[in-house]
Amino acid sequence: MPITAAEIAQLLQGELVGDGSVLLNDFAPADRAQSGDLTFAENADYFARAEQSMASAIIVDGTFASRKVLIRVANARIAFAKVMAVFFPEPVFPAGIHPTAVLASSARVDPSAHVGPYCVIGEKVEIGPKSVLQSGDHVGANCRLGEEVKLFPGVTLYPRTEIGNRVHIHSGTVVGSDGFGYVQDDGIHRKVPQIGNVIIQDDVEIGANVTIDRGALGPTLIGKGSKIDNLVQIAHNVVLGDHCLVISQAGIAGSTQLGNHVCLAGQVGLAGHLTIGDRASVAAQSGVMHNIPAGEKWFGYPAQPDGQAKRQMIALHHLPELLRRVAALEKKIGGKKRK
């Protein structure tokens, strides 16, 4: 449905420059934009491309001038995220339970929720208002799902998983599987029963094919507003603080605790029983074996504070030349030639 530039400006609380009656049909990047499209520019390079495009209007956060309609905002990237929902709204699922879904008699599903084809809902499960289980989801006994939870196809929740409001979990993810707990007993690995659960707080999004293990005794906890990328492993009794970012293929070993606003880049590995402070960040492919104080940036394998790691990397680059100089000095003083 077309929307005017003035309506977009009002939605974004931005300043309209130009004809507010211009109809906008779609949102597109500058290199593919057509007449009637809205695009955005967060820097001079983006703006130059947007200005040369066929787009009818541009979202900007600078003092650019244009022959096109402009919508000036405080932050073009944030405005872009907001306006995408206008042109590409999420699908709406009708309330009700599909005939192929299997529900235990003691399960309680809010009348406004949607339970899609071939979902399985266990005993004493509670599913809150406007929640959506798309298809093929398995929700174990005694799970609790809050309001507006969205499970994409093929999600598995083990028993006693607790999910807050507005949580999105993408396909293939398993929440509440056994923690990896074993003890040596006369030469064999004896399994330690994992009797805890997983608690996911409000406004969390979990990507595809993530595994979050339940606690050995208490819960594994995912704090509110945290975002977990695809292919992440979170082990038993991990505590993830509020508004953390965990990027693809990262792994967090058991009982490690992350503060708030921690960022783990791709393929980061955290050893068990560590404490990562608030707003700490770890660069991609780093292996963390020690606690990280709040606010620090670490990287490397093993991970170290970024300043220390950078100095070591620079020193390594100079190592071949240093070896040549040492060999030349040894030769000059008649020492044994270095192999």
C-alpha atoms as a PDB file:
ATOM      1  CA  MET A   1       0.000   0.000   0.000  1.00  0.00           C
ATOM      2  CA  PRO A   2       1.551   3.371  -1.008  1.00  0.00           C
ATOM      3  CA  ILE A   3       2.402   5.827   1.746  1.00  0.00           C
ATOM      4  CA  THR A   4       3.259   9.512   1.394  1.00  0.00           C
ATOM      5  CA  ALA A   5       6.634  11.022   2.191  1.00  0.00           C
ATOM      6  CA  ALA A   6       4.915  13.209   4.794  1.00  0.00           C
ATOM      7  CA  GLU A   7       3.535  10.134   6.563  1.00  0.00           C
ATOM      8  CA  ILE A   8       6.985   8.537   6.606  1.00  0.00           C
ATOM      9  CA  ALA A   9       8.493  11.726   8.012  1.00  0.00           C
ATOM     10  CA  GLN A  10       5.869  11.815  10.755  1.00  0.00           C
ATOM     11  CA  LEU A  11       6.468   8.150  11.589  1.00  0.00           C
ATOM     12  CA  LEU A  12      10.225   8.765  11.895  1.00  0.00           C
ATOM     13  CA  GLN A  13       9.788  12.123  13.655  1.00  0.00           C
ATOM     14  CA  GLY A  14      11.960  13.585  10.922  1.00  0.00           C
ATOM     15  CA  GLU A  15      12.046  16.849   8.981  1.00  0.00           C
ATOM     16  CA  LEU A  16      10.442  16.770   5.541  1.00  0.00           C
ATOM     17  CA  VAL A  17      12.253  18.676   2.778  1.00  0.00           C
ATOM     18  CA  GLY A  18      10.259  18.802  -0.457  1.00  0.00           C
ATOM     19  CA  ASP A  19       6.873  17.575  -1.622  1.00  0.00           C
ATOM     20  CA  GLY A  20       5.240  15.602   1.171  1.00  0.00           C
ATOM     21  CA  SER A  21       2.516  14.287  -1.142  1.00  0.00           C
ATOM     22  CA  VAL A  22       4.980  12.100  -3.089  1.00  0.00           C
ATOM     23  CA  LEU A  23       3.756   8.511  -2.941  1.00  0.00           C
ATOM     24  CA  LEU A  24       6.262   5.863  -1.897  1.00  0.00           C
ATOM     25  CA  ASN A  25       5.548   2.269  -2.878  1.00  0.00           C
ATOM     26  CA  ASP A  26       8.644   0.417  -1.717  1.00  0.00           C
ATOM     27  CA  PHE A  27      12.037   0.628  -0.053  1.00  0.00           C
ATOM     28  CA  ALA A  28      15.183  -0.219  -2.010  1.00  0.00           C
ATOM     29  CA  PRO A  29      18.961   0.294  -1.939  1.00  0.00           C
ATOM     30  CA  ALA A  30      20.175   3.121  -4.159  1.00  0.00           C
ATOM     31  CA  ASP A  31      21.633   0.848  -6.839  1.00  0.00           C
ATOM     32  CA  ARG A  32      18.243  -0.850  -7.385  1.00  0.00           C
ATOM     33  CA  ALA A  33      15.812   1.936  -6.551  1.00  0.00           C
ATOM     34  CA  GLN A  34      13.070   2.841  -9.031  1.00  0.00           C
ATOM     35  CA  SER A  35      10.678   5.752  -9.276  1.00  0.00           C
ATOM     36  CA  GLY A  36       8.345   5.638  -6.275  1.00  0.00           C
ATOM     37  CA  ASP A  37      10.969   4.001  -4.037  1.00  0.00           C
ATOM     38  CA  LEU A  38      12.382   5.288  -0.759  1.00  0.00           C
ATOM     39  CA  THR A  39      16.096   4.810  -0.017  1.00  0.00           C
ATOM     40  CA  PHE A  40      18.517   6.019   2.658  1.00  0.00           C
ATOM     41  CA  ALA A  41      21.977   7.571   2.915  1.00  0.00           C
ATOM     42  CA  GLU A  42      24.067   7.558   6.080  1.00  0.00           C
ATOM     43  CA  ASN A  43      27.198   9.158   4.579  1.00  0.00           C
ATOM     44  CA  ALA A  44      28.347  11.215   1.577  1.00  0.00           C
ATOM     45  CA  ASP A  45      29.141   8.174  -0.558  1.00  0.00           C
ATOM     46  CA  TYR A  46      25.692   6.658   0.025  1.00  0.00           C
ATOM     47  CA  PHE A  47      24.093  10.032  -0.663  1.00  0.00           C
ATOM     48  CA  ALA A  48      25.890  10.448  -3.988  1.00  0.00           C
ATOM     49  CA  ARG A  49      24.564   7.088  -5.134  1.00  0.00           C
ATOM     50  CA  ALA A  50      21.073   7.846  -3.822  1.00  0.00           C
ATOM     51  CA  GLU A  51      21.061  11.218  -5.579  1.00  0.00           C
ATOM     52  CA  GLN A  52      21.956   9.576  -8.912  1.00  0.00           C
ATOM     53  CA  SER A  53      19.357   6.831  -8.483  1.00  0.00           C
ATOM     54  CA  MET A  54      15.718   6.743  -9.596  1.00  0.00           C
ATOM     55  CA  ALA A  55      14.504   6.882  -5.971  1.00  0.00           C
ATOM     56  CA  SER A  56      11.818   9.446  -5.217  1.00  0.00           C
ATOM     57  CA  ALA A  57      12.866  10.154  -1.623  1.00  0.00           C
ATOM     58  CA  ILE A  58      15.921   9.722   0.582  1.00  0.00           C
ATOM     59  CA  ILE A  59      16.258   9.342   4.339  1.00  0.00           C
ATOM     60  CA  VAL A  60      19.346  11.309   5.451  1.00  0.00           C
ATOM     61  CA  ASP A  61      21.009  12.346   8.695  1.00  0.00           C
ATOM     62  CA  GLY A  62      23.314  15.048   7.300  1.00  0.00           C
ATOM     63  CA  THR A  63      22.944  18.524   5.826  1.00  0.00           C
ATOM     64  CA  PHE A  64      22.596  17.285   2.269  1.00  0.00           C
ATOM     65  CA  ALA A  65      20.718  19.240  -0.399  1.00  0.00           C
ATOM     66  CA  SER A  66      18.889  17.454  -3.193  1.00  0.00           C
ATOM     67  CA  ARG A  67      16.380  17.794  -6.001  1.00  0.00           C
ATOM     68  CA  LYS A  68      14.647  14.773  -4.471  1.00  0.00           C
ATOM     69  CA  VAL A  69      12.416  14.677  -1.421  1.00  0.00           C
ATOM     70  CA  LEU A  70      14.496  14.362   1.750  1.00  0.00           C
ATOM     71  CA  ILE A  71      13.504  13.103   5.176  1.00  0.00           C
ATOM     72  CA  ARG A  72      16.070  14.337   7.710  1.00  0.00           C
ATOM     73  CA  VAL A  73      16.468  12.247  10.856  1.00  0.00           C
ATOM     74  CA  ALA A  74      18.928  12.017  13.729  1.00  0.00           C
ATOM     75  CA  ASN A  75      20.260   8.632  12.589  1.00  0.00           C
ATOM     76  CA  ALA A  76      19.600   7.253   9.107  1.00  0.00           C
ATOM     77  CA  ARG A  77      20.507   3.668  10.032  1.00  0.00           C
ATOM     78  CA  ILE A  78      17.999   3.594  12.894  1.00  0.00           C
ATOM     79  CA  ALA A  79      15.356   5.201  10.680  1.00  0.00           C
ATOM     80  CA  PHE A  80      16.048   2.564   8.030  1.00  0.00           C
ATOM     81  CA  ALA A  81      15.368  -0.182  10.565  1.00  0.00           C
ATOM     82  CA  LYS A  82      12.097   1.440  11.608  1.00  0.00           C
ATOM     83  CA  VAL A  83      10.771   2.110   8.132  1.00  0.00           C
ATOM     84  CA  MET A  84      11.477  -1.411   6.863  1.00  0.00           C
ATOM     85  CA  ALA A  85       8.622  -2.672   9.007  1.00  0.00           C
ATOM     86  CA  VAL A  86       6.253  -0.325   7.151  1.00  0.00           C
ATOM     87  CA  PHE A  87       7.079  -1.685   3.703  1.00  0.00           C
ATOM     88  CA  PHE A  88       7.788  -5.268   4.753  1.00  0.00           C
ATOM     89  CA  PRO A  89       5.499  -6.086   7.678  1.00  0.00           C
ATOM     90  CA  GLU A  90       5.807  -9.464   9.316  1.00  0.00           C
ATOM     91  CA  PRO A  91       3.177 -12.012   8.277  1.00  0.00           C
ATOM     92  CA  VAL A  92       0.058 -12.170  10.391  1.00  0.00           C
ATOM     93  CA  PHE A  93      -1.010 -15.601  11.613  1.00  0.00           C
ATOM     94  CA  PRO A  94      -4.666 -16.167  12.478  1.00  0.00           C
ATOM     95  CA  ALA A  95      -5.595 -17.174  15.993  1.00  0.00           C
ATOM     96  CA  GLY A  96      -6.379 -20.828  16.445  1.00  0.00           C
ATOM     97  CA  ILE A  97      -4.957 -24.332  16.511  1.00  0.00           C
ATOM     98  CA  HIS A  98      -4.339 -26.292  13.317  1.00  0.00           C
ATOM     99  CA  PRO A  99      -6.126 -29.659  13.174  1.00  0.00           C
ATOM    100  CA  THR A 100      -2.840 -31.539  12.772  1.00  0.00           C
ATOM    101  CA  ALA A 101      -1.333 -30.067  15.956  1.00  0.00           C
ATOM    102  CA  VAL A 102      -1.139 -32.409  18.963  1.00  0.00           C
ATOM    103  CA  LEU A 103      -1.931 -30.819  22.323  1.00  0.00           C
ATOM    104  CA  ALA A 104      -1.914 -32.430  25.754  1.00  0.00           C
ATOM    105  CA  SER A 105      -5.215 -32.072  27.545  1.00  0.00           C
ATOM    106  CA  SER A 106      -3.603 -30.031  30.327  1.00  0.00           C
ATOM    107  CA  ALA A 107      -1.949 -27.502  27.970  1.00  0.00           C
ATOM    108  CA  ARG A 108      -3.314 -23.963  28.061  1.00  0.00           C
ATOM    109  CA  VAL A 109      -3.166 -21.935  24.860  1.00  0.00           C
ATOM    110  CA  ASP A 110      -4.444 -18.363  24.818  1.00  0.00           C
ATOM    111  CA  PRO A 111      -7.311 -17.970  22.323  1.00  0.00           C
ATOM    112  CA  SER A 112      -5.380 -15.281  20.455  1.00  0.00           C
ATOM    113  CA  ALA A 113      -2.335 -17.531  19.885  1.00  0.00           C
ATOM    114  CA  HIS A 114      -1.576 -19.450  16.682  1.00  0.00           C
ATOM    115  CA  VAL A 115      -0.467 -23.088  16.752  1.00  0.00           C
ATOM    116  CA  GLY A 116       0.451 -24.243  13.264  1.00  0.00           C
ATOM    117  CA  PRO A 117       0.548 -27.615  11.503  1.00  0.00           C
ATOM    118  CA  TYR A 118       2.199 -30.581  13.196  1.00  0.00           C
ATOM    119  CA  CYS A 119       3.178 -28.775  16.367  1.00  0.00           C
ATOM    120  CA  VAL A 120       3.361 -30.887  19.541  1.00  0.00           C
ATOM    121  CA  ILE A 121       2.458 -29.257  22.858  1.00  0.00           C
ATOM    122  CA  GLY A 122       3.215 -31.186  26.061  1.00  0.00           C
ATOM    123  CA  GLU A 123       1.490 -31.478  29.406  1.00  0.00           C
ATOM    124  CA  LYS A 124       0.887 -28.292  31.426  1.00  0.00           C
ATOM    125  CA  VAL A 125       2.383 -26.040  28.769  1.00  0.00           C
ATOM    126  CA  GLU A 126       1.250 -22.399  28.882  1.00  0.00           C
ATOM    127  CA  ILE A 127       1.250 -20.294  25.692  1.00  0.00           C
ATOM    128  CA  GLY A 128       0.511 -16.601  26.074  1.00  0.00           C
ATOM    129  CA  PRO A 129      -1.514 -14.103  24.021  1.00  0.00           C
ATOM    130  CA  LYS A 130      -0.667 -13.534  20.349  1.00  0.00           C
ATOM    131  CA  SER A 131       2.153 -16.069  20.393  1.00  0.00           C
ATOM    132  CA  VAL A 132       2.866 -17.921  17.147  1.00  0.00           C
ATOM    133  CA  LEU A 133       4.148 -21.460  16.669  1.00  0.00           C
ATOM    134  CA  GLN A 134       4.494 -21.697  12.904  1.00  0.00           C
ATOM    135  CA  SER A 135       4.816 -25.418  12.180  1.00  0.00           C
ATOM    136  CA  GLY A 136       6.550 -28.546  13.398  1.00  0.00           C
ATOM    137  CA  ASP A 137       7.492 -27.018  16.741  1.00  0.00           C
ATOM    138  CA  HIS A 138       7.887 -29.231  19.809  1.00  0.00           C
ATOM    139  CA  VAL A 139       7.165 -27.702  23.213  1.00  0.00           C
ATOM    140  CA  GLY A 140       7.939 -30.027  26.108  1.00  0.00           C
ATOM    141  CA  ALA A 141       5.981 -30.432  29.304  1.00  0.00           C
ATOM    142  CA  ASN A 142       5.717 -27.537  31.742  1.00  0.00           C
ATOM    143  CA  CYS A 143       7.117 -24.952  29.346  1.00  0.00           C
ATOM    144  CA  ARG A 144       5.844 -21.387  29.689  1.00  0.00           C
ATOM    145  CA  LEU A 145       5.711 -18.948  26.771  1.00  0.00           C
ATOM    146  CA  GLY A 146       4.789 -15.313  27.316  1.00  0.00           C
ATOM    147  CA  GLU A 147       3.060 -12.835  25.022  1.00  0.00           C
ATOM    148  CA  GLU A 148       3.894 -12.454  21.323  1.00  0.00           C
ATOM    149  CA  VAL A 149       6.490 -15.224  21.295  1.00  0.00           C
ATOM    150  CA  LYS A 150       7.361 -16.420  17.777  1.00  0.00           C
ATOM    151  CA  LEU A 151       8.711 -19.890  17.116  1.00  0.00           C
ATOM    152  CA  PHE A 152       9.729 -20.410  13.510  1.00  0.00           C
ATOM    153  CA  PRO A 153       9.359 -23.903  11.976  1.00  0.00           C
ATOM    154  CA  GLY A 154      11.198 -26.758  13.625  1.00  0.00           C
ATOM    155  CA  VAL A 155      12.038 -25.272  17.030  1.00  0.00           C
ATOM    156  CA  THR A 156      12.409 -27.634  19.998  1.00  0.00           C
ATOM    157  CA  LEU A 157      11.852 -26.550  23.593  1.00  0.00           C
ATOM    158  CA  TYR A 158      12.748 -29.175  26.175  1.00  0.00           C
ATOM    159  CA  PRO A 159      10.566 -29.446  29.309  1.00  0.00           C
ATOM    160  CA  ARG A 160      10.396 -26.573  31.805  1.00  0.00           C
ATOM    161  CA  THR A 161      11.797 -23.965  29.460  1.00  0.00           C
ATOM    162  CA  GLU A 162      10.573 -20.476  30.397  1.00  0.00           C
ATOM    163  CA  ILE A 163      10.280 -17.818  27.688  1.00  0.00           C
ATOM    164  CA  GLY A 164       9.357 -14.192  28.291  1.00  0.00           C
ATOM    165  CA  ASN A 165       7.486 -11.762  26.054  1.00  0.00           C
ATOM    166  CA  ARG A 166       8.278 -10.909  22.418  1.00  0.00           C
ATOM    167  CA  VAL A 167      10.954 -13.580  22.065  1.00  0.00           C
ATOM    168  CA  HIS A 168      11.744 -14.806  18.537  1.00  0.00           C
ATOM    169  CA  ILE A 169      13.396 -18.214  18.021  1.00  0.00           C
ATOM    170  CA  HIS A 170      14.377 -19.272  14.511  1.00  0.00           C
ATOM    171  CA  SER A 171      14.281 -22.657  12.821  1.00  0.00           C
ATOM    172  CA  GLY A 172      16.324 -25.594  14.018  1.00  0.00           C
ATOM    173  CA  THR A 173      17.118 -24.146  17.429  1.00  0.00           C
ATOM    174  CA  VAL A 174      17.054 -26.421  20.470  1.00  0.00           C
ATOM    175  CA  VAL A 175      16.515 -24.884  23.897  1.00  0.00           C
ATOM    176  CA  GLY A 176      16.943 -26.902  27.080  1.00  0.00           C
ATOM    177  CA  SER A 177      18.914 -29.887  25.811  1.00  0.00           C
ATOM    178  CA  ASP A 178      21.182 -31.750  28.238  1.00  0.00           C
ATOM    179  CA  GLY A 179      24.212 -29.942  29.547  1.00  0.00           C
ATOM    180  CA  PHE A 180      27.506 -31.694  28.796  1.00  0.00           C
ATOM    181  CA  GLY A 181      28.192 -33.031  32.286  1.00  0.00           C
ATOM    182  CA  TYR A 182      30.248 -36.173  33.003  1.00  0.00           C
ATOM    183  CA  VAL A 183      32.512 -37.491  35.768  1.00  0.00           C
ATOM    184  CA  GLN A 184      35.226 -40.127  35.593  1.00  0.00           C
ATOM    185  CA  ASP A 185      34.117 -43.337  37.316  1.00  0.00           C
ATOM    186  CA  ASP A 186      36.464 -46.311  37.114  1.00  0.00           C
ATOM    187  CA  GLY A 187      37.574 -45.487  33.600  1.00  0.00           C
ATOM    188  CA  ILE A 188      34.184 -44.549  32.188  1.00  0.00           C
ATOM    189  CA  HIS A 189      32.446 -41.220  31.669  1.00  0.00           C
ATOM    190  CA  ARG A 190      29.442 -41.289  33.980  1.00  0.00           C
ATOM    191  CA  LYS A 191      26.706 -38.855  33.067  1.00  0.00           C
ATOM    192  CA  VAL A 192      25.687 -36.250  35.627  1.00  0.00           C
ATOM    193  CA  PRO A 193      21.917 -35.723  35.287  1.00  0.00           C
ATOM    194  CA  GLN A 194      21.101 -32.193  34.199  1.00  0.00           C
ATOM    195  CA  ILE A 195      17.971 -31.245  36.115  1.00  0.00           C
ATOM    196  CA  GLY A 196      17.924 -27.458  35.629  1.00  0.00           C
ATOM    197  CA  ASN A 197      16.153 -25.524  32.901  1.00  0.00           C
ATOM    198  CA  VAL A 198      16.537 -22.524  30.571  1.00  0.00           C
ATOM    199  CA  ILE A 199      15.051 -19.092  31.218  1.00  0.00           C
ATOM    200  CA  ILE A 200      14.858 -16.619  28.332  1.00  0.00           C
ATOM    201  CA  GLN A 201      13.801 -13.108  29.274  1.00  0.00           C
ATOM    202  CA  ASP A 202      11.864 -10.513  27.255  1.00  0.00           C
ATOM    203  CA  ASP A 203      12.777  -9.244  23.770  1.00  0.00           C
ATOM    204  CA  VAL A 204      15.426 -11.854  23.021  1.00  0.00           C
ATOM    205  CA  GLU A 205      16.009 -13.039  19.451  1.00  0.00           C
ATOM    206  CA  ILE A 206      17.726 -16.365  18.811  1.00  0.00           C
ATOM    207  CA  GLY A 207      18.930 -17.340  15.341  1.00  0.00           C
ATOM    208  CA  ALA A 208      18.737 -20.631  13.478  1.00  0.00           C
ATOM    209  CA  ASN A 209      20.409 -23.829  14.676  1.00  0.00           C
ATOM    210  CA  VAL A 210      21.384 -22.492  18.087  1.00  0.00           C
ATOM    211  CA  THR A 211      21.712 -24.845  21.067  1.00  0.00           C
ATOM    212  CA  ILE A 212      21.152 -23.639  24.622  1.00  0.00           C
ATOM    213  CA  ASP A 213      21.703 -26.318  27.264  1.00  0.00           C
ATOM    214  CA  ARG A 214      19.709 -26.482  30.459  1.00  0.00           C
ATOM    215  CA  GLY A 215      21.486 -26.038  33.772  1.00  0.00           C
ATOM    216  CA  ALA A 216      22.850 -28.916  35.801  1.00  0.00           C
ATOM    217  CA  LEU A 217      20.909 -27.699  38.836  1.00  0.00           C
ATOM    218  CA  GLY A 218      19.767 -24.093  38.406  1.00  0.00           C
ATOM    219  CA  PRO A 219      18.870 -22.337  35.167  1.00  0.00           C
ATOM    220  CA  THR A 220      20.803 -21.286  32.112  1.00  0.00           C
ATOM    221  CA  LEU A 221      19.740 -17.636  31.752  1.00  0.00           C
ATOM    222  CA  ILE A 222      19.491 -15.412  28.659  1.00  0.00           C
ATOM    223  CA  GLY A 223      19.004 -11.771  29.679  1.00  0.00           C
ATOM    224  CA  LYS A 224      16.439  -9.391  28.230  1.00  0.00           C
ATOM    225  CA  GLY A 225      17.091  -7.818  24.861  1.00  0.00           C
ATOM    226  CA  SER A 226      20.015 -10.094  24.006  1.00  0.00           C
ATOM    227  CA  LYS A 227      20.481 -11.179  20.387  1.00  0.00           C
ATOM    228  CA  ILE A 228      22.043 -14.523  19.485  1.00  0.00           C
ATOM    229  CA  ASP A 229      23.141 -15.228  15.920  1.00  0.00           C
ATOM    230  CA  ASN A 230      22.906 -18.545  14.048  1.00  0.00           C
ATOM    231  CA  LEU A 231      24.997 -21.590  15.024  1.00  0.00           C
ATOM    232  CA  VAL A 232      25.836 -20.534  18.569  1.00  0.00           C
ATOM    233  CA  GLN A 233      26.404 -22.987  21.445  1.00  0.00           C
ATOM    234  CA  ILE A 234      25.556 -21.896  24.995  1.00  0.00           C
ATOM    235  CA  ALA A 235      26.379 -24.492  27.636  1.00  0.00           C
ATOM    236  CA  HIS A 236      24.766 -25.359  30.958  1.00  0.00           C
ATOM    237  CA  ASN A 237      24.459 -22.735  33.697  1.00  0.00           C
ATOM    238  CA  VAL A 238      25.714 -19.912  31.495  1.00  0.00           C
ATOM    239  CA  VAL A 239      24.329 -16.510  32.449  1.00  0.00           C
ATOM    240  CA  LEU A 240      24.033 -14.064  29.576  1.00  0.00           C
ATOM    241  CA  GLY A 241      23.344 -10.513  30.718  1.00  0.00           C
ATOM    242  CA  ASP A 242      20.943  -7.980  29.224  1.00  0.00           C
ATOM    243  CA  HIS A 243      21.380  -6.682  25.661  1.00  0.00           C
ATOM    244  CA  CYS A 244      24.321  -8.902  24.768  1.00  0.00           C
ATOM    245  CA  LEU A 245      25.322  -9.756  21.192  1.00  0.00           C
ATOM    246  CA  VAL A 246      26.638 -13.244  20.437  1.00  0.00           C
ATOM    247  CA  ILE A 247      27.671 -13.681  16.806  1.00  0.00           C
ATOM    248  CA  SER A 248      27.637 -16.808  14.651  1.00  0.00           C
ATOM    249  CA  GLN A 249      29.631 -19.902  15.647  1.00  0.00           C
ATOM    250  CA  ALA A 250      30.565 -18.552  19.066  1.00  0.00           C
ATOM    251  CA  GLY A 251      30.638 -21.019  21.934  1.00  0.00           C
ATOM    252  CA  ILE A 252      30.295 -20.379  25.670  1.00  0.00           C
ATOM    253  CA  ALA A 253      31.350 -23.153  28.052  1.00  0.00           C
ATOM    254  CA  GLY A 254      29.505 -24.047  31.215  1.00  0.00           C
ATOM    255  CA  SER A 255      28.942 -21.688  34.154  1.00  0.00           C
ATOM    256  CA  THR A 256      30.500 -18.662  32.462  1.00  0.00           C
ATOM    257  CA  GLN A 257      28.763 -15.387  33.293  1.00  0.00           C
ATOM    258  CA  LEU A 258      28.496 -12.427  30.933  1.00  0.00           C
ATOM    259  CA  GLY A 259      27.518  -8.971  32.118  1.00  0.00           C
ATOM    260  CA  ASN A 260      25.253  -6.546  30.265  1.00  0.00           C
ATOM    261  CA  HIS A 261      25.967  -5.271  26.738  1.00  0.00           C
ATOM    262  CA  VAL A 262      28.768  -7.795  26.139  1.00  0.00           C
ATOM    263  CA  CYS A 263      29.654  -8.450  22.487  1.00  0.00           C
ATOM    264  CA  LEU A 264      31.198 -11.732  21.300  1.00  0.00           C
ATOM    265  CA  ALA A 265      32.202 -11.670  17.634  1.00  0.00           C
ATOM    266  CA  GLY A 266      32.094 -14.659  15.294  1.00  0.00           C
ATOM    267  CA  GLN A 267      33.772 -17.920  16.334  1.00  0.00           C
ATOM    268  CA  VAL A 268      34.745 -16.643  19.775  1.00  0.00           C
ATOM    269  CA  GLY A 269      35.223 -19.381  22.350  1.00  0.00           C
ATOM    270  CA  LEU A 270      34.871 -18.791  26.099  1.00  0.00           C
ATOM    271  CA  ALA A 271      36.208 -21.327  28.576  1.00  0.00           C
ATOM    272  CA  GLY A 272      34.037 -22.361  31.500  1.00  0.00           C
ATOM    273  CA  HIS A 273      33.562 -20.629  34.868  1.00  0.00           C
ATOM    274  CA  LEU A 274      34.696 -17.221  33.597  1.00  0.00           C
ATOM    275  CA  THR A 275      33.297 -13.763  34.338  1.00  0.00           C
ATOM    276  CA  ILE A 276      33.015 -11.273  31.476  1.00  0.00           C
ATOM    277  CA  GLY A 277      32.310  -7.725  32.656  1.00  0.00           C
ATOM    278  CA  ASP A 278      29.697  -5.264  31.415  1.00  0.00           C
ATOM    279  CA  ARG A 279      30.309  -3.835  27.922  1.00  0.00           C
ATOM    280  CA  ALA A 280      33.343  -6.027  27.313  1.00  0.00           C
ATOM    281  CA  SER A 281      33.916  -7.097  23.713  1.00  0.00           C
ATOM    282  CA  VAL A 282      35.876  -9.969  22.183  1.00  0.00           C
ATOM    283  CA  ALA A 283      37.106  -9.919  18.581  1.00  0.00           C
ATOM    284  CA  ALA A 284      36.408 -12.718  16.106  1.00  0.00           C
ATOM    285  CA  GLN A 285      38.073 -16.125  16.497  1.00  0.00           C
ATOM    286  CA  SER A 286      39.473 -15.284  19.912  1.00  0.00           C
ATOM    287  CA  GLY A 287      39.871 -17.938  22.598  1.00  0.00           C
ATOM    288  CA  VAL A 288      39.155 -16.557  26.071  1.00  0.00           C
ATOM    289  CA  MET A 289      40.702 -18.375  29.021  1.00  0.00           C
ATOM    290  CA  HIS A 290      40.654 -15.632  31.671  1.00  0.00           C
ATOM    291  CA  ASN A 291      38.137 -13.257  33.209  1.00  0.00           C
ATOM    292  CA  ILE A 292      37.658  -9.980  31.325  1.00  0.00           C
ATOM    293  CA  PRO A 293      37.087  -6.764  33.291  1.00  0.00           C
ATOM    294  CA  ALA A 294      34.195  -4.486  32.395  1.00  0.00           C
ATOM    295  CA  GLY A 295      34.588  -2.316  29.311  1.00  0.00           C
ATOM    296  CA  GLU A 296      37.742  -3.975  27.957  1.00  0.00           C
ATOM    297  CA  LYS A 297      38.363  -5.178  24.393  1.00  0.00           C
ATOM    298  CA  TRP A 298      40.204  -8.464  23.998  1.00  0.00           C
ATOM    299  CA  PHE A 299      41.329 -10.536  21.045  1.00  0.00           C
ATOM    300  CA  GLY A 300      43.746 -13.255  20.011  1.00  0.00           C
ATOM    301  CA  TYR A 301      44.376 -16.866  20.918  1.00  0.00           C
ATOM    302  CA  PRO A 302      44.722 -16.977  23.799  1.00  0.00           C
ATOM    303  CA  ALA A 303      42.800 -13.725  24.078  1.00  0.00           C
ATOM    304  CA  GLN A 304      44.489 -10.725  25.706  1.00  0.00           C
ATOM    305  CA  PRO A 305      43.685  -7.037  26.101  1.00  0.00           C
ATOM    306  CA  ASP A 306      43.724  -5.494  22.643  1.00  0.00           C
ATOM    307  CA  GLY A 307      46.688  -3.182  23.275  1.00  0.00           C
ATOM    308  CA  GLN A 308      48.876  -6.039  24.453  1.00  0.00           C
ATOM    309  CA  ALA A 309      47.751  -8.328  21.617  1.00  0.00           C
ATOM    310  CA  LYS A 310      48.445  -5.644  19.003  1.00  0.00           C
ATOM    311  CA  ARG A 311      51.972  -5.072  20.312  1.00  0.00           C
ATOM    312  CA  GLN A 312      52.658  -8.797  20.073  1.00  0.00           C
ATOM    313  CA  MET A 313      51.325  -8.955  16.530  1.00  0.00           C
ATOM    314  CA  ILE A 314      53.554  -6.047  15.488  1.00  0.00           C
ATOM    315  CA  ALA A 315      56.537  -7.729  17.137  1.00  0.00           C
ATOM    316  CA  LEU A 316      55.835 -10.947  15.205  1.00  0.00           C
ATOM    317  CA  HIS A 317      55.873  -9.025  11.919  1.00  0.00           C
ATOM    318  CA  HIS A 318      59.384  -7.784  12.793  1.00  0.00           C
ATOM    319  CA  LEU A 319      60.632 -11.252  13.785  1.00  0.00           C
ATOM    320  CA  PRO A 320      62.019 -12.346  10.354  1.00  0.00           C
ATOM    321  CA  GLU A 321      64.089  -9.169  10.061  1.00  0.00           C
ATOM    322  CA  LEU A 322      65.275  -9.567  13.652  1.00  0.00           C
ATOM    323  CA  LEU A 323      66.411 -13.136  12.937  1.00  0.00           C
ATOM    324  CA  ARG A 324      68.342 -11.949   9.891  1.00  0.00           C
ATOM    325  CA  ARG A 325      70.058  -9.264  11.934  1.00  0.00           C
ATOM    326  CA  VAL A 326      70.981 -11.725  14.694  1.00  0.00           C
ATOM    327  CA  ALA A 327      72.378 -14.157  12.119  1.00  0.00           C
ATOM    328  CA  ALA A 328      74.449 -11.368  10.566  1.00  0.00           C
ATOM    329  CA  LEU A 329      75.815 -10.352  13.981  1.00  0.00           C
ATOM    330  CA  GLU A 330      76.714 -13.957  14.825  1.00  0.00           C
ATOM    331  CA  LYS A 331      78.546 -14.292  11.528  1.00  0.00           C
ATOM    332  CA  LYS A 332      80.360 -11.002  12.100  1.00  0.00           C
ATOM    333  CA  ILE A 333      81.614 -12.017  15.542  1.00  0.00           C
ATOM    334  CA  GLY A 334      82.484 -15.531  14.373  1.00  0.00           C
ATOM    335  CA  GLY A 335      79.724 -17.324  16.193  1.00  0.00           C
ATOM    336  CA  LYS A 336      77.979 -20.486  15.084  1.00  0.00           C
ATOM    337  CA  LYS A 337      75.824 -19.906  12.035  1.00  0.00           C
ATOM    338  CA  ARG A 338      72.135 -20.088  12.879  1.00  0.00           C
ATOM    339  CA  LYS A 339      70.266 -22.759  10.960  1.00  0.00           C
END
